[in-house]
Amino acid sequence: MSASSTADPKSAQAHARAQGATRVEAMPTLPPSDARDLPAGVAAEDMLWEETIGAGGYGAKRLNRGARLRLVDLRGDACASMLVFNAENPVERLNVADTVKVQWNAYLGQGRLLLSDMGRVMMSLLEDGAETHDAFCGASNAASNARRYGSGDNWGPHPNARDRFSLALAKFGLGRRDIHPCINWFKGVKIGPDGEVETQVGPYAPGRSLTLRAEMDLIVVLANCPHVRDPRPDYSVTPLRVSAWRGPATPMDDPIRNATPEGLRAFLNVEDYFRR
């Protein structure tokens, strides 16, 4: 039997442990307080989530109201597809159509809101160093990946975002029927004057980031798979860094809260929800 064989438990254990140094890039940091690159001004004990989601990977976390969530496109080719649910009542979830309709703008950026299907603001976009996002196209799926890469199976070399969502949701007792239209961060999509879809997939400069604020207690689900309209023949996606930390709830004089009448109404709906 060769030294590298995994045919018996002890050899398999030794092999798995030897891979630790190479696999750490795509694993959560536990405890989160051990994160190496803390956000500016954030104490280690306030960290809630620190994880690098590798190519084709996924992650999910429950975040309380006031938490901050930072996403970093480490190498310039991540695609962070996101679902958001009310953690207390997951039947309430992100509504992308209302998000763009109520704000009279389909292009997400700093100061924009993510709205639920019950008229409440779920998250606010505090900082945006990318400015290329997609609220139109939704998640990749097994069929779209099979057409592009020859396979799209969840357990194959080209996993898709929709199937990754299903794995993450199962950890919260949710299923495929709970997968709603998603937001794709770091990949830009615009609609041309004649209705044509213009996709901006990069790659971009590494290190672009954005920071969101949780306005409710949330379940946040992320999949890092190539954009559904990425025209490249290769499965092109690079690691995504996810960090979350405790923060205060939004104050009454917050500039994002008071920026527009429509946004203020969504915040008032949240405040009424927590007034129970």
Foldseek 3Di string as FASTA:
>chain_A
DDQCDPPDPVSVVVNVVVCVVVCQQAAWDPPQLPDDDDPPPAHSVFWDTWGKHWEFGKDKDWDAAFKKKKKFQAAQFWKKWKWKAFLVDRVKTFDLVCQCVLVVHNFDAALGFTAIPVLATFKHWHHFQQSAKHSPDFWAQQVLQCVQAVTADSPDPADIDLVNQQVRVVVSVDHSVSDDGTIIPNKHWDADPVRDIDTRRDSDHGTTMIMMGGQHGMMMMITTWHGSPPNDSDRDHGMMIMIMGHGDHDDPPDCSCPVDPSSVSNSVVSVVVVVD
